[in-house]
Amino acid sequence: MTADPERRLSEALRAQARGGGRSAAPMRDGPARSSATSVRTALVIALLGGAVLGTALALLSLLTPGLLPTLG
């Protein structure tokens, strides 16, 4: 009689490890996907803002020498 409960327990643990058992909560991709999209959008905006600022400073230093302070 002791082998039967042990066998059922081992089968249940194997099924849970394979993902065959019921999960406690359903998995959702909604919030993770939207947060990843917002982070990606923020990074793209920061990159474009840096590129615009760098281009503006480069043009200022080329077109009007002496306008920007020297570094060092």
Protein backbone atom coordinates (compact mmCIF):
# COMPACT_ATOMS: atom_id res chain seq x y z
CA MET A 1 0.00 0.00 0.00
CA THR A 2 2.86 2.47 0.53
CA ALA A 3 3.99 2.33 -3.11
CA ASP A 4 0.65 3.59 -4.45
CA PRO A 5 0.60 7.04 -2.73
CA GLU A 6 4.30 7.50 -3.46
CA ARG A 7 3.73 6.67 -7.13
CA ARG A 8 0.81 9.09 -7.36
CA LEU A 9 2.87 11.80 -5.70
CA SER A 10 5.80 11.27 -8.06
CA GLU A 11 3.45 11.33 -11.07
CA ALA A 12 1.85 14.55 -9.84
CA LEU A 13 5.25 16.20 -9.31
CA ARG A 14 6.40 15.14 -12.79
CA ALA A 15 3.20 16.51 -14.34
CA GLN A 16 3.63 19.80 -12.51
CA ALA A 17 7.27 20.05 -13.60
CA ARG A 18 6.25 19.47 -17.23
CA GLY A 19 3.54 22.10 -16.94
CA GLY A 20 0.73 19.58 -17.19
CA GLY A 21 -0.80 20.60 -13.87
CA ARG A 22 -3.11 23.51 -13.28
CA SER A 23 -1.30 26.75 -12.66
CA ALA A 24 -2.24 28.94 -9.71
CA ALA A 25 -2.77 32.07 -11.79
CA PRO A 26 -3.19 32.52 -15.52
CA MET A 27 -0.23 34.08 -17.28
CA ARG A 28 -0.89 37.36 -19.08
CA ASP A 29 1.33 39.10 -21.58
CA GLY A 30 -0.59 42.39 -21.50
CA PRO A 31 1.13 44.39 -18.76
CA ALA A 32 4.64 43.18 -19.55
CA ARG A 33 4.21 43.97 -23.22
CA SER A 34 2.88 47.48 -22.57
CA SER A 35 5.65 48.30 -20.09
CA ALA A 36 8.28 47.04 -22.54
CA THR A 37 6.72 49.22 -25.24
CA SER A 38 6.75 52.29 -23.01
CA VAL A 39 10.38 51.70 -22.03
CA ARG A 40 11.33 51.26 -25.69
CA THR A 41 9.46 54.44 -26.62
CA ALA A 42 11.18 56.39 -23.84
CA LEU A 43 14.59 55.18 -24.99
CA VAL A 44 13.90 56.12 -28.61
CA ILE A 45 12.72 59.59 -27.56
CA ALA A 46 15.83 60.08 -25.40
CA LEU A 47 18.08 58.96 -28.26
CA LEU A 48 16.42 61.31 -30.73
CA GLY A 49 16.55 64.19 -28.24
CA GLY A 50 20.27 63.59 -27.69
CA ALA A 51 20.90 63.47 -31.41
CA VAL A 52 19.04 66.76 -31.95
CA LEU A 53 20.87 68.44 -29.07
CA GLY A 54 24.25 67.16 -30.28
CA THR A 55 23.56 68.31 -33.82
CA ALA A 56 22.49 71.75 -32.61
CA LEU A 57 25.62 72.16 -30.48
CA ALA A 58 27.84 70.98 -33.33
CA LEU A 59 26.26 73.45 -35.74
CA LEU A 60 26.60 76.28 -33.21
CA SER A 61 30.27 75.53 -32.68
CA LEU A 62 30.93 75.32 -36.42
CA LEU A 63 28.90 78.30 -37.57
CA THR A 64 29.71 80.74 -34.76
CA PRO A 65 33.15 80.04 -33.31
CA GLY A 66 33.66 81.37 -29.79
CA LEU A 67 29.95 81.25 -28.87
CA LEU A 68 30.23 78.13 -26.76
CA PRO A 69 32.64 78.05 -23.82
CA THR A 70 35.76 75.92 -24.13
CA LEU A 71 36.13 72.79 -22.06
CA GLY A 72 39.41 72.75 -20.18
